[in-house]
Amino acid sequence: MKVFVIGANGQIGKQVIHLLQESKEHNVRAMVRDEAQVSALKENGIEAVVANLEGSVEDIASAAEGCDAVIFTAGSGGHTGPDKTLLVDLDGAVKSMEAAEKVGANRYVMVSAIQAHNRDSWANSPIKPYMVAKHFADKALIASKLNYTIIRPGGLVNEAGTGNVSIGENLQRDSIPREDVAKTLVAVLNEENTYRRSFDLVIGDTAISDALKNL
C-alpha cells in the first residue's frame, strides 16, 4: 500500500520513512512543513510534499491524494506551549483523519502516548495538556470510519532498538526506543488483528511480530 507519513521529519518519522523505503510491500509519501525538507527527502529518492497540520483539511487531503494509509507521528514538540499542543496534537490530528476519509486512505495508524486512554493515570502529569490532546485525538479516531490502530508508546529514548517489546491495554510506564516504535508502526499496517485496536507499547522480551499476533 502507499503510505502517507505525517511528521516525516521527526525522530520517529525519519525511521518510519526509511523502513517503508526499504519495504517490498509498501510505498511512501512524506509530508513535511517546508520546501527545504522536501528537497532533502527527494535527494534520497523519497516522494515528499509540503502541507501543514495548522492549514486546511483540503490542503492535507490534496497532499494525501492517492495514498491508501496514513501513519501519524507528528507532534508540536516539548518546547512549545499548550496552544501549539492543541493546534497540532489535537486539531491537526483530527484534520488529518478528516483528510484521510476524504481521499479514501482508510488505514490509519496513530502514535499516541502510554495510558492516554486512562485519565486517572495523568491527572497530575506535568504534560497534562499533551495527554489531554492525545486522549481526545484518539477518541476522535475511534469514532471515525477509519480502519485505525492506535499505538501508545512509553517514554521515548534514542537507544538502538532491540526488536523486542511488550504490548497490552494497560501497561506500567516504561521506556521504548524510537526505532522499535517505528518498526511497530510499519508492522501493524497489514496485521489484521490490530485493526480498530489500541494498545500501550514498551520495551519487553517478545519479538514485535509475535507480540502483535498475540494481541
N, C-alpha and C. Protein backbone atom coordinates (compact mmCIF):
# COMPACT_ATOMS: atom_id res chain seq x y z
N MET A 1 0.84 -1.19 0.00
CA MET A 1 0.00 0.00 0.00
C MET A 1 0.87 1.24 0.00
N LYS A 2 0.30 2.36 -0.44
CA LYS A 2 1.02 3.63 -0.43
C LYS A 2 0.71 4.33 0.88
N VAL A 3 1.75 4.66 1.64
CA VAL A 3 1.60 5.16 3.00
C VAL A 3 2.00 6.63 3.07
N PHE A 4 1.10 7.45 3.58
CA PHE A 4 1.31 8.87 3.77
C PHE A 4 1.78 9.08 5.19
N VAL A 5 3.02 9.54 5.36
CA VAL A 5 3.60 9.70 6.69
C VAL A 5 3.56 11.17 7.10
N ILE A 6 2.80 11.45 8.15
CA ILE A 6 2.68 12.81 8.70
C ILE A 6 3.62 12.92 9.89
N GLY A 7 4.51 13.91 9.82
CA GLY A 7 5.57 14.02 10.81
C GLY A 7 6.83 13.33 10.33
N ALA A 8 7.02 13.33 9.01
CA ALA A 8 8.11 12.57 8.40
C ALA A 8 9.49 13.08 8.77
N ASN A 9 9.58 14.34 9.23
CA ASN A 9 10.88 14.89 9.58
C ASN A 9 11.20 14.75 11.06
N GLY A 10 10.31 14.12 11.81
CA GLY A 10 10.54 13.89 13.23
C GLY A 10 11.44 12.69 13.46
N GLN A 11 11.78 12.47 14.73
CA GLN A 11 12.73 11.39 15.04
C GLN A 11 12.16 10.00 14.74
N ILE A 12 10.88 9.80 15.03
CA ILE A 12 10.26 8.53 14.66
C ILE A 12 9.94 8.52 13.18
N GLY A 13 9.44 9.64 12.68
CA GLY A 13 9.04 9.72 11.28
C GLY A 13 10.17 9.39 10.33
N LYS A 14 11.38 9.87 10.61
CA LYS A 14 12.52 9.57 9.74
C LYS A 14 12.79 8.07 9.68
N GLN A 15 12.63 7.41 10.80
CA GLN A 15 12.87 5.96 10.82
C GLN A 15 11.74 5.21 10.10
N VAL A 16 10.51 5.70 10.24
CA VAL A 16 9.39 5.10 9.51
C VAL A 16 9.61 5.22 8.00
N ILE A 17 10.03 6.41 7.56
CA ILE A 17 10.30 6.64 6.15
C ILE A 17 11.33 5.65 5.62
N HIS A 18 12.41 5.47 6.38
CA HIS A 18 13.47 4.55 5.96
C HIS A 18 12.94 3.12 5.85
N LEU A 19 12.16 2.69 6.85
CA LEU A 19 11.62 1.33 6.83
C LEU A 19 10.69 1.13 5.64
N LEU A 20 9.86 2.11 5.36
CA LEU A 20 8.93 1.99 4.23
C LEU A 20 9.67 2.02 2.90
N GLN A 21 10.73 2.82 2.83
CA GLN A 21 11.52 2.88 1.60
C GLN A 21 12.19 1.53 1.33
N GLU A 22 12.59 0.85 2.38
CA GLU A 22 13.23 -0.46 2.23
C GLU A 22 12.23 -1.59 2.06
N SER A 23 10.96 -1.32 2.31
CA SER A 23 9.94 -2.36 2.28
C SER A 23 9.63 -2.82 0.86
N LYS A 24 9.31 -4.09 0.72
CA LYS A 24 8.87 -4.64 -0.57
C LYS A 24 7.34 -4.64 -0.68
N GLU A 25 6.67 -4.29 0.42
CA GLU A 25 5.21 -4.30 0.45
C GLU A 25 4.59 -2.92 0.26
N HIS A 26 5.32 -1.87 0.62
CA HIS A 26 4.73 -0.53 0.69
C HIS A 26 5.55 0.50 -0.09
N ASN A 27 4.87 1.56 -0.48
CA ASN A 27 5.49 2.77 -0.99
C ASN A 27 5.21 3.90 -0.01
N VAL A 28 5.97 4.99 -0.10
CA VAL A 28 5.84 6.03 0.91
C VAL A 28 5.76 7.41 0.25
N ARG A 29 4.97 8.27 0.87
CA ARG A 29 4.96 9.70 0.56
C ARG A 29 5.09 10.44 1.89
N ALA A 30 6.08 11.30 1.99
CA ALA A 30 6.35 12.02 3.23
C ALA A 30 5.70 13.39 3.20
N MET A 31 5.05 13.75 4.31
CA MET A 31 4.51 15.09 4.48
C MET A 31 5.42 15.87 5.42
N VAL A 32 5.92 17.02 4.92
CA VAL A 32 6.78 17.89 5.72
C VAL A 32 6.28 19.32 5.62
N ARG A 33 6.91 20.22 6.40
CA ARG A 33 6.38 21.57 6.53
C ARG A 33 7.03 22.61 5.62
N ASP A 34 8.19 22.29 5.01
CA ASP A 34 8.80 23.30 4.15
C ASP A 34 9.57 22.67 2.99
N GLU A 35 9.85 23.49 1.99
CA GLU A 35 10.47 23.02 0.75
C GLU A 35 11.87 22.48 0.96
N ALA A 36 12.60 23.03 1.93
CA ALA A 36 13.95 22.54 2.18
C ALA A 36 13.92 21.07 2.61
N GLN A 37 12.93 20.72 3.42
CA GLN A 37 12.80 19.32 3.85
C GLN A 37 12.41 18.44 2.67
N VAL A 38 11.56 18.96 1.79
CA VAL A 38 11.18 18.21 0.58
C VAL A 38 12.41 17.91 -0.26
N SER A 39 13.24 18.91 -0.48
CA SER A 39 14.43 18.74 -1.31
C SER A 39 15.35 17.68 -0.73
N ALA A 40 15.54 17.70 0.59
CA ALA A 40 16.42 16.72 1.23
C ALA A 40 15.88 15.30 1.06
N LEU A 41 14.58 15.13 1.19
CA LEU A 41 13.98 13.82 1.03
C LEU A 41 14.08 13.35 -0.41
N LYS A 42 13.79 14.23 -1.35
CA LYS A 42 13.83 13.86 -2.76
C LYS A 42 15.24 13.46 -3.20
N GLU A 43 16.24 14.09 -2.61
CA GLU A 43 17.63 13.71 -2.92
C GLU A 43 17.91 12.27 -2.52
N ASN A 44 17.15 11.76 -1.56
CA ASN A 44 17.30 10.37 -1.13
C ASN A 44 16.26 9.45 -1.76
N GLY A 45 15.60 9.93 -2.81
CA GLY A 45 14.67 9.10 -3.56
C GLY A 45 13.32 8.91 -2.92
N ILE A 46 12.95 9.84 -2.03
CA ILE A 46 11.68 9.72 -1.30
C ILE A 46 10.69 10.76 -1.82
N GLU A 47 9.50 10.33 -2.17
CA GLU A 47 8.45 11.26 -2.59
C GLU A 47 8.02 12.08 -1.38
N ALA A 48 7.94 13.39 -1.56
CA ALA A 48 7.60 14.26 -0.43
C ALA A 48 6.75 15.43 -0.89
N VAL A 49 5.89 15.91 0.00
CA VAL A 49 5.02 17.04 -0.27
C VAL A 49 5.00 17.97 0.93
N VAL A 50 4.70 19.24 0.68
CA VAL A 50 4.57 20.21 1.75
C VAL A 50 3.10 20.36 2.13
N ALA A 51 2.82 20.25 3.42
CA ALA A 51 1.50 20.55 3.96
C ALA A 51 1.67 20.83 5.44
N ASN A 52 0.68 21.47 6.03
CA ASN A 52 0.80 21.93 7.41
C ASN A 52 -0.45 21.52 8.19
N LEU A 53 -0.24 20.91 9.34
CA LEU A 53 -1.37 20.49 10.17
C LEU A 53 -2.17 21.67 10.69
N GLU A 54 -1.63 22.86 10.64
CA GLU A 54 -2.38 24.05 11.03
C GLU A 54 -3.09 24.67 9.83
N GLY A 55 -2.92 24.06 8.66
CA GLY A 55 -3.63 24.50 7.46
C GLY A 55 -5.01 23.86 7.38
N SER A 56 -5.55 23.81 6.18
CA SER A 56 -6.91 23.31 5.99
C SER A 56 -6.93 21.80 5.77
N VAL A 57 -8.09 21.21 6.03
CA VAL A 57 -8.30 19.80 5.72
C VAL A 57 -8.08 19.55 4.24
N GLU A 58 -8.54 20.49 3.41
CA GLU A 58 -8.41 20.34 1.96
C GLU A 58 -6.94 20.28 1.54
N ASP A 59 -6.09 21.09 2.16
CA ASP A 59 -4.67 21.07 1.83
C ASP A 59 -4.03 19.73 2.20
N ILE A 60 -4.38 19.22 3.37
CA ILE A 60 -3.84 17.93 3.80
C ILE A 60 -4.36 16.82 2.90
N ALA A 61 -5.64 16.88 2.54
CA ALA A 61 -6.22 15.88 1.65
C ALA A 61 -5.54 15.90 0.29
N SER A 62 -5.28 17.08 -0.23
CA SER A 62 -4.60 17.19 -1.52
C SER A 62 -3.22 16.54 -1.46
N ALA A 63 -2.52 16.74 -0.35
CA ALA A 63 -1.20 16.15 -0.19
C ALA A 63 -1.26 14.62 -0.09
N ALA A 64 -2.36 14.11 0.46
CA ALA A 64 -2.51 12.66 0.68
C ALA A 64 -3.19 11.95 -0.47
N GLU A 65 -3.64 12.66 -1.48
CA GLU A 65 -4.39 12.07 -2.59
C GLU A 65 -3.61 10.90 -3.19
N GLY A 66 -4.32 9.77 -3.38
CA GLY A 66 -3.70 8.60 -3.98
C GLY A 66 -3.06 7.65 -3.00
N CYS A 67 -3.04 8.01 -1.72
CA CYS A 67 -2.46 7.13 -0.70
C CYS A 67 -3.53 6.21 -0.11
N ASP A 68 -3.09 5.05 0.37
CA ASP A 68 -4.00 4.05 0.93
C ASP A 68 -4.03 4.08 2.45
N ALA A 69 -2.98 4.61 3.05
CA ALA A 69 -2.83 4.56 4.50
C ALA A 69 -2.14 5.81 4.99
N VAL A 70 -2.37 6.11 6.28
CA VAL A 70 -1.72 7.24 6.95
C VAL A 70 -1.03 6.72 8.20
N ILE A 71 0.22 7.14 8.40
CA ILE A 71 0.87 6.98 9.70
C ILE A 71 1.07 8.38 10.27
N PHE A 72 0.48 8.63 11.43
CA PHE A 72 0.56 9.95 12.08
C PHE A 72 1.57 9.88 13.20
N THR A 73 2.71 10.54 13.00
CA THR A 73 3.74 10.57 14.03
C THR A 73 4.23 11.99 14.26
N ALA A 74 3.34 12.94 14.01
CA ALA A 74 3.67 14.36 14.19
C ALA A 74 3.43 14.78 15.63
N GLY A 75 4.06 15.88 16.01
CA GLY A 75 3.83 16.44 17.33
C GLY A 75 4.32 17.87 17.39
N SER A 76 3.77 18.62 18.32
CA SER A 76 4.15 20.02 18.45
C SER A 76 5.52 20.17 19.08
N GLY A 77 6.00 19.14 19.76
CA GLY A 77 7.32 19.20 20.39
C GLY A 77 7.25 19.65 21.83
N GLY A 78 8.28 19.28 22.58
CA GLY A 78 8.29 19.56 24.02
C GLY A 78 8.60 21.00 24.37
N HIS A 79 9.00 21.80 23.38
CA HIS A 79 9.41 23.18 23.69
C HIS A 79 8.34 24.20 23.32
N THR A 80 7.18 23.73 22.92
CA THR A 80 6.08 24.65 22.59
C THR A 80 5.08 24.69 23.73
N GLY A 81 4.18 25.65 23.68
CA GLY A 81 3.19 25.79 24.73
C GLY A 81 1.93 25.01 24.47
N PRO A 82 0.97 25.06 25.41
CA PRO A 82 -0.29 24.34 25.25
C PRO A 82 -1.07 24.74 24.01
N ASP A 83 -0.86 25.98 23.52
CA ASP A 83 -1.59 26.40 22.33
C ASP A 83 -1.19 25.56 21.13
N LYS A 84 0.11 25.35 20.95
CA LYS A 84 0.57 24.52 19.83
C LYS A 84 0.18 23.06 20.02
N THR A 85 0.17 22.61 21.26
CA THR A 85 -0.28 21.24 21.53
C THR A 85 -1.72 21.06 21.07
N LEU A 86 -2.55 22.04 21.35
CA LEU A 86 -3.94 21.99 20.93
C LEU A 86 -4.05 22.02 19.40
N LEU A 87 -3.28 22.89 18.76
CA LEU A 87 -3.40 23.09 17.32
C LEU A 87 -2.84 21.93 16.50
N VAL A 88 -1.78 21.30 17.01
CA VAL A 88 -1.12 20.23 16.26
C VAL A 88 -1.54 18.85 16.73
N ASP A 89 -1.36 18.56 18.01
CA ASP A 89 -1.58 17.20 18.51
C ASP A 89 -3.05 16.83 18.59
N LEU A 90 -3.92 17.82 18.69
CA LEU A 90 -5.36 17.53 18.70
C LEU A 90 -6.02 17.95 17.37
N ASP A 91 -6.11 19.25 17.12
CA ASP A 91 -6.83 19.70 15.93
C ASP A 91 -6.14 19.24 14.65
N GLY A 92 -4.82 19.30 14.61
CA GLY A 92 -4.11 18.83 13.43
C GLY A 92 -4.33 17.35 13.18
N ALA A 93 -4.31 16.57 14.26
CA ALA A 93 -4.56 15.14 14.11
C ALA A 93 -5.97 14.88 13.57
N VAL A 94 -6.95 15.58 14.11
CA VAL A 94 -8.33 15.39 13.64
C VAL A 94 -8.47 15.83 12.18
N LYS A 95 -7.83 16.92 11.81
CA LYS A 95 -7.85 17.33 10.40
C LYS A 95 -7.29 16.23 9.50
N SER A 96 -6.22 15.59 9.95
CA SER A 96 -5.62 14.54 9.12
C SER A 96 -6.56 13.34 8.98
N MET A 97 -7.34 13.07 10.02
CA MET A 97 -8.34 11.99 9.93
C MET A 97 -9.42 12.35 8.91
N GLU A 98 -9.89 13.59 8.97
CA GLU A 98 -10.90 14.04 8.01
C GLU A 98 -10.34 13.99 6.59
N ALA A 99 -9.08 14.38 6.44
CA ALA A 99 -8.44 14.33 5.12
C ALA A 99 -8.32 12.89 4.63
N ALA A 100 -7.95 11.99 5.52
CA ALA A 100 -7.83 10.57 5.15
C ALA A 100 -9.17 10.03 4.67
N GLU A 101 -10.23 10.35 5.39
CA GLU A 101 -11.56 9.91 4.96
C GLU A 101 -11.92 10.50 3.60
N LYS A 102 -11.54 11.75 3.40
CA LYS A 102 -11.89 12.45 2.16
C LYS A 102 -11.25 11.79 0.94
N VAL A 103 -10.01 11.30 1.08
CA VAL A 103 -9.29 10.73 -0.07
C VAL A 103 -9.33 9.20 -0.08
N GLY A 104 -10.01 8.59 0.88
CA GLY A 104 -10.13 7.13 0.88
C GLY A 104 -8.91 6.39 1.39
N ALA A 105 -8.07 7.08 2.18
CA ALA A 105 -6.92 6.42 2.81
C ALA A 105 -7.42 5.79 4.11
N ASN A 106 -8.02 4.63 3.98
CA ASN A 106 -8.82 4.08 5.08
C ASN A 106 -7.98 3.53 6.23
N ARG A 107 -6.76 3.10 5.97
CA ARG A 107 -5.90 2.55 7.03
C ARG A 107 -5.17 3.70 7.72
N TYR A 108 -5.31 3.80 9.03
CA TYR A 108 -4.75 4.94 9.76
C TYR A 108 -4.08 4.44 11.03
N VAL A 109 -2.79 4.75 11.16
CA VAL A 109 -2.02 4.31 12.33
C VAL A 109 -1.56 5.55 13.10
N MET A 110 -1.91 5.62 14.35
CA MET A 110 -1.67 6.80 15.19
C MET A 110 -0.63 6.53 16.27
N VAL A 111 0.34 7.44 16.40
CA VAL A 111 1.23 7.43 17.56
C VAL A 111 0.58 8.28 18.65
N SER A 112 0.24 7.64 19.75
CA SER A 112 -0.37 8.33 20.88
C SER A 112 0.64 8.38 22.02
N ALA A 113 0.22 8.19 23.24
CA ALA A 113 1.10 8.20 24.41
C ALA A 113 0.58 7.18 25.42
N ILE A 114 1.50 6.55 26.12
CA ILE A 114 1.12 5.49 27.04
C ILE A 114 0.07 5.99 28.04
N GLN A 115 -0.98 5.18 28.18
CA GLN A 115 -2.09 5.44 29.10
C GLN A 115 -2.88 6.70 28.76
N ALA A 116 -2.81 7.14 27.51
CA ALA A 116 -3.60 8.32 27.11
C ALA A 116 -5.09 8.07 27.27
N HIS A 117 -5.50 6.80 27.22
CA HIS A 117 -6.92 6.47 27.35
C HIS A 117 -7.40 6.51 28.80
N ASN A 118 -6.47 6.59 29.74
CA ASN A 118 -6.79 6.46 31.17
C ASN A 118 -6.55 7.79 31.86
N ARG A 119 -7.58 8.60 31.98
CA ARG A 119 -7.42 9.95 32.55
C ARG A 119 -6.79 9.92 33.94
N ASP A 120 -7.16 8.96 34.76
CA ASP A 120 -6.65 8.93 36.14
C ASP A 120 -5.13 8.82 36.17
N SER A 121 -4.54 8.21 35.15
CA SER A 121 -3.09 7.97 35.17
C SER A 121 -2.30 9.24 34.95
N TRP A 122 -2.90 10.27 34.38
CA TRP A 122 -2.17 11.52 34.14
C TRP A 122 -2.84 12.74 34.77
N ALA A 123 -3.61 12.51 35.81
CA ALA A 123 -4.33 13.60 36.47
C ALA A 123 -3.38 14.68 36.98
N ASN A 124 -2.19 14.29 37.42
CA ASN A 124 -1.23 15.24 37.97
C ASN A 124 0.04 15.33 37.12
N SER A 125 -0.07 14.97 35.86
CA SER A 125 1.10 14.93 34.98
C SER A 125 1.58 16.34 34.63
N PRO A 126 2.91 16.54 34.55
CA PRO A 126 3.44 17.84 34.12
C PRO A 126 3.18 18.11 32.63
N ILE A 127 2.82 17.07 31.89
CA ILE A 127 2.50 17.24 30.46
C ILE A 127 1.00 16.99 30.22
N LYS A 128 0.19 17.40 31.18
CA LYS A 128 -1.24 17.13 31.10
C LYS A 128 -1.88 17.68 29.82
N PRO A 129 -1.56 18.91 29.34
CA PRO A 129 -2.18 19.37 28.10
C PRO A 129 -1.90 18.44 26.91
N TYR A 130 -0.69 17.89 26.86
CA TYR A 130 -0.34 16.94 25.81
C TYR A 130 -1.18 15.67 25.94
N MET A 131 -1.32 15.16 27.15
CA MET A 131 -2.10 13.95 27.36
C MET A 131 -3.57 14.17 27.03
N VAL A 132 -4.09 15.35 27.37
CA VAL A 132 -5.47 15.69 27.02
C VAL A 132 -5.64 15.68 25.50
N ALA A 133 -4.69 16.31 24.81
CA ALA A 133 -4.75 16.35 23.34
C ALA A 133 -4.74 14.94 22.76
N LYS A 134 -3.85 14.09 23.25
CA LYS A 134 -3.77 12.72 22.76
C LYS A 134 -5.05 11.95 23.07
N HIS A 135 -5.56 12.14 24.28
CA HIS A 135 -6.79 11.44 24.69
C HIS A 135 -7.94 11.73 23.73
N PHE A 136 -8.14 13.00 23.41
CA PHE A 136 -9.29 13.35 22.58
C PHE A 136 -9.03 13.11 21.09
N ALA A 137 -7.79 13.21 20.66
CA ALA A 137 -7.48 12.82 19.28
C ALA A 137 -7.76 11.33 19.08
N ASP A 138 -7.36 10.53 20.06
CA ASP A 138 -7.63 9.09 19.97
C ASP A 138 -9.13 8.80 19.95
N LYS A 139 -9.88 9.51 20.78
CA LYS A 139 -11.33 9.30 20.80
C LYS A 139 -11.95 9.67 19.45
N ALA A 140 -11.46 10.73 18.83
CA ALA A 140 -11.97 11.12 17.51
C ALA A 140 -11.65 10.04 16.47
N LEU A 141 -10.47 9.45 16.57
CA LEU A 141 -10.10 8.40 15.63
C LEU A 141 -10.97 7.16 15.81
N ILE A 142 -11.21 6.80 17.06
CA ILE A 142 -12.06 5.64 17.35
C ILE A 142 -13.48 5.86 16.82
N ALA A 143 -13.95 7.10 16.89
CA ALA A 143 -15.31 7.41 16.43
C ALA A 143 -15.39 7.55 14.91
N SER A 144 -14.26 7.61 14.24
CA SER A 144 -14.24 7.78 12.79
C SER A 144 -14.58 6.47 12.08
N LYS A 145 -14.66 6.55 10.77
CA LYS A 145 -14.90 5.37 9.94
C LYS A 145 -13.59 4.70 9.52
N LEU A 146 -12.48 5.25 9.94
CA LEU A 146 -11.17 4.75 9.51
C LEU A 146 -10.83 3.42 10.19
N ASN A 147 -10.06 2.64 9.48
CA ASN A 147 -9.58 1.36 9.98
C ASN A 147 -8.27 1.63 10.74
N TYR A 148 -8.41 1.98 12.01
CA TYR A 148 -7.30 2.53 12.77
C TYR A 148 -6.55 1.49 13.59
N THR A 149 -5.32 1.85 13.95
CA THR A 149 -4.59 1.25 15.06
C THR A 149 -3.96 2.39 15.83
N ILE A 150 -4.17 2.42 17.14
CA ILE A 150 -3.58 3.45 18.00
C ILE A 150 -2.49 2.79 18.83
N ILE A 151 -1.27 3.30 18.68
CA ILE A 151 -0.12 2.77 19.42
C ILE A 151 0.28 3.81 20.46
N ARG A 152 0.30 3.39 21.73
CA ARG A 152 0.58 4.31 22.84
C ARG A 152 1.94 3.97 23.45
N PRO A 153 3.03 4.53 22.89
CA PRO A 153 4.36 4.17 23.39
C PRO A 153 4.68 4.81 24.74
N GLY A 154 5.57 4.14 25.46
CA GLY A 154 6.08 4.69 26.71
C GLY A 154 7.09 5.79 26.44
N GLY A 155 7.92 6.07 27.43
CA GLY A 155 8.91 7.14 27.30
C GLY A 155 9.88 6.86 26.17
N LEU A 156 10.00 7.79 25.24
CA LEU A 156 10.79 7.58 24.03
C LEU A 156 12.27 7.83 24.30
N VAL A 157 13.10 6.89 23.87
CA VAL A 157 14.55 7.03 24.03
C VAL A 157 15.22 6.79 22.69
N ASN A 158 16.45 7.28 22.56
CA ASN A 158 17.18 7.16 21.30
C ASN A 158 18.17 6.01 21.28
N GLU A 159 18.02 5.08 22.21
CA GLU A 159 18.86 3.88 22.19
C GLU A 159 18.51 3.02 20.97
N ALA A 160 19.44 2.18 20.56
CA ALA A 160 19.17 1.25 19.45
C ALA A 160 18.02 0.33 19.83
N GLY A 161 17.16 0.07 18.88
CA GLY A 161 16.04 -0.82 19.12
C GLY A 161 16.50 -2.25 19.33
N THR A 162 15.74 -2.98 20.11
CA THR A 162 16.04 -4.39 20.36
C THR A 162 15.17 -5.31 19.51
N GLY A 163 14.06 -4.76 18.98
CA GLY A 163 13.11 -5.60 18.25
C GLY A 163 12.19 -6.37 19.16
N ASN A 164 12.35 -6.19 20.47
CA ASN A 164 11.52 -6.88 21.45
C ASN A 164 10.71 -5.87 22.24
N VAL A 165 9.42 -6.15 22.39
CA VAL A 165 8.50 -5.20 23.01
C VAL A 165 7.53 -5.92 23.93
N SER A 166 6.78 -5.12 24.66
CA SER A 166 5.63 -5.61 25.41
C SER A 166 4.43 -4.78 24.97
N ILE A 167 3.33 -5.44 24.67
CA ILE A 167 2.13 -4.80 24.17
C ILE A 167 0.96 -5.19 25.06
N GLY A 168 0.12 -4.21 25.42
CA GLY A 168 -1.04 -4.53 26.23
C GLY A 168 -1.94 -3.33 26.41
N GLU A 169 -3.10 -3.55 26.98
CA GLU A 169 -4.08 -2.49 27.15
C GLU A 169 -3.70 -1.54 28.27
N ASN A 170 -3.13 -2.06 29.34
CA ASN A 170 -2.78 -1.23 30.50
C ASN A 170 -1.43 -1.67 31.04
N LEU A 171 -0.36 -1.10 30.50
CA LEU A 171 0.99 -1.45 30.92
C LEU A 171 1.54 -0.41 31.88
N GLN A 172 2.46 -0.85 32.73
CA GLN A 172 3.19 0.07 33.59
C GLN A 172 4.07 0.97 32.73
N ARG A 173 4.23 2.21 33.14
CA ARG A 173 5.07 3.14 32.38
C ARG A 173 6.50 2.62 32.32
N ASP A 174 7.07 2.65 31.13
CA ASP A 174 8.44 2.22 30.89
C ASP A 174 8.90 2.92 29.62
N SER A 175 10.13 2.71 29.25
CA SER A 175 10.67 3.35 28.05
C SER A 175 10.52 2.44 26.83
N ILE A 176 10.80 3.02 25.67
CA ILE A 176 10.78 2.27 24.41
C ILE A 176 11.67 3.02 23.42
N PRO A 177 12.61 2.35 22.76
CA PRO A 177 13.41 3.04 21.74
C PRO A 177 12.53 3.50 20.58
N ARG A 178 12.82 4.68 20.08
CA ARG A 178 12.08 5.20 18.92
C ARG A 178 12.15 4.24 17.74
N GLU A 179 13.29 3.57 17.60
CA GLU A 179 13.44 2.62 16.50
C GLU A 179 12.40 1.51 16.58
N ASP A 180 12.12 1.02 17.78
CA ASP A 180 11.13 -0.05 17.94
C ASP A 180 9.71 0.47 17.74
N VAL A 181 9.46 1.74 18.10
CA VAL A 181 8.15 2.33 17.79
C VAL A 181 7.96 2.38 16.28
N ALA A 182 8.98 2.84 15.56
CA ALA A 182 8.89 2.92 14.10
C ALA A 182 8.63 1.55 13.49
N LYS A 183 9.34 0.55 13.96
CA LYS A 183 9.16 -0.81 13.43
C LYS A 183 7.74 -1.32 13.70
N THR A 184 7.20 -0.98 14.86
CA THR A 184 5.84 -1.41 15.19
C THR A 184 4.82 -0.70 14.31
N LEU A 185 5.03 0.59 14.06
CA LEU A 185 4.11 1.35 13.19
C LEU A 185 4.01 0.72 11.81
N VAL A 186 5.12 0.33 11.27
CA VAL A 186 5.13 -0.29 9.94
C VAL A 186 4.58 -1.70 10.00
N ALA A 187 4.91 -2.43 11.06
CA ALA A 187 4.48 -3.82 11.17
C ALA A 187 2.97 -3.96 11.26
N VAL A 188 2.28 -2.99 11.88
CA VAL A 188 0.83 -3.15 12.06
C VAL A 188 0.04 -2.89 10.79
N LEU A 189 0.65 -2.29 9.78
CA LEU A 189 -0.10 -1.89 8.60
C LEU A 189 -0.95 -3.03 8.03
N ASN A 190 -0.36 -4.21 7.93
CA ASN A 190 -1.07 -5.36 7.36
C ASN A 190 -1.47 -6.39 8.40
N GLU A 191 -1.32 -6.07 9.67
CA GLU A 191 -1.62 -7.05 10.72
C GLU A 191 -3.09 -6.91 11.11
N GLU A 192 -3.92 -7.80 10.57
CA GLU A 192 -5.37 -7.62 10.67
C GLU A 192 -5.89 -7.63 12.09
N ASN A 193 -5.24 -8.33 13.00
CA ASN A 193 -5.77 -8.35 14.37
C ASN A 193 -5.48 -7.07 15.13
N THR A 194 -4.77 -6.12 14.49
CA THR A 194 -4.58 -4.81 15.11
C THR A 194 -5.59 -3.79 14.57
N TYR A 195 -6.41 -4.19 13.62
CA TYR A 195 -7.37 -3.26 13.05
C TYR A 195 -8.41 -2.87 14.10
N ARG A 196 -8.67 -1.56 14.18
CA ARG A 196 -9.61 -0.98 15.14
C ARG A 196 -9.27 -1.43 16.57
N ARG A 197 -7.97 -1.37 16.86
CA ARG A 197 -7.46 -1.71 18.19
C ARG A 197 -6.51 -0.62 18.66
N SER A 198 -6.29 -0.57 19.97
CA SER A 198 -5.31 0.35 20.55
C SER A 198 -4.57 -0.38 21.66
N PHE A 199 -3.30 0.02 21.88
CA PHE A 199 -2.52 -0.67 22.91
C PHE A 199 -1.33 0.18 23.34
N ASP A 200 -0.89 -0.06 24.60
CA ASP A 200 0.35 0.51 25.11
C ASP A 200 1.53 -0.28 24.54
N LEU A 201 2.68 0.37 24.44
CA LEU A 201 3.87 -0.25 23.88
C LEU A 201 5.09 0.18 24.68
N VAL A 202 5.79 -0.79 25.28
CA VAL A 202 7.03 -0.50 26.00
C VAL A 202 8.06 -1.58 25.65
N ILE A 203 9.27 -1.37 26.11
CA ILE A 203 10.32 -2.35 25.89
C ILE A 203 9.93 -3.67 26.57
N GLY A 204 10.30 -4.78 25.94
CA GLY A 204 9.91 -6.07 26.50
C GLY A 204 10.80 -7.18 26.01
N ASP A 205 10.29 -8.40 26.06
CA ASP A 205 11.10 -9.55 25.68
C ASP A 205 10.45 -10.40 24.60
N THR A 206 9.47 -9.83 23.88
CA THR A 206 8.79 -10.56 22.81
C THR A 206 9.01 -9.84 21.48
N ALA A 207 9.37 -10.60 20.46
CA ALA A 207 9.58 -10.01 19.14
C ALA A 207 8.33 -9.27 18.68
N ILE A 208 8.52 -8.14 17.99
CA ILE A 208 7.38 -7.31 17.58
C ILE A 208 6.34 -8.12 16.84
N SER A 209 6.75 -8.93 15.89
CA SER A 209 5.78 -9.70 15.09
C SER A 209 4.99 -10.66 15.96
N ASP A 210 5.63 -11.30 16.92
CA ASP A 210 4.94 -12.23 17.80
C ASP A 210 4.02 -11.49 18.76
N ALA A 211 4.48 -10.36 19.28
CA ALA A 211 3.65 -9.58 20.20
C ALA A 211 2.37 -9.11 19.53
N LEU A 212 2.46 -8.70 18.27
CA LEU A 212 1.28 -8.26 17.54
C LEU A 212 0.32 -9.41 17.27
N LYS A 213 0.86 -10.54 16.92
CA LYS A 213 0.00 -11.71 16.65
C LYS A 213 -0.73 -12.17 17.90
N ASN A 214 -0.11 -11.95 19.07
CA ASN A 214 -0.70 -12.39 20.33
C ASN A 214 -1.56 -11.33 21.00
N LEU A 215 -1.76 -10.19 20.31
CA LEU A 215 -2.53 -9.09 20.89
C LEU A 215 -3.98 -9.52 21.19
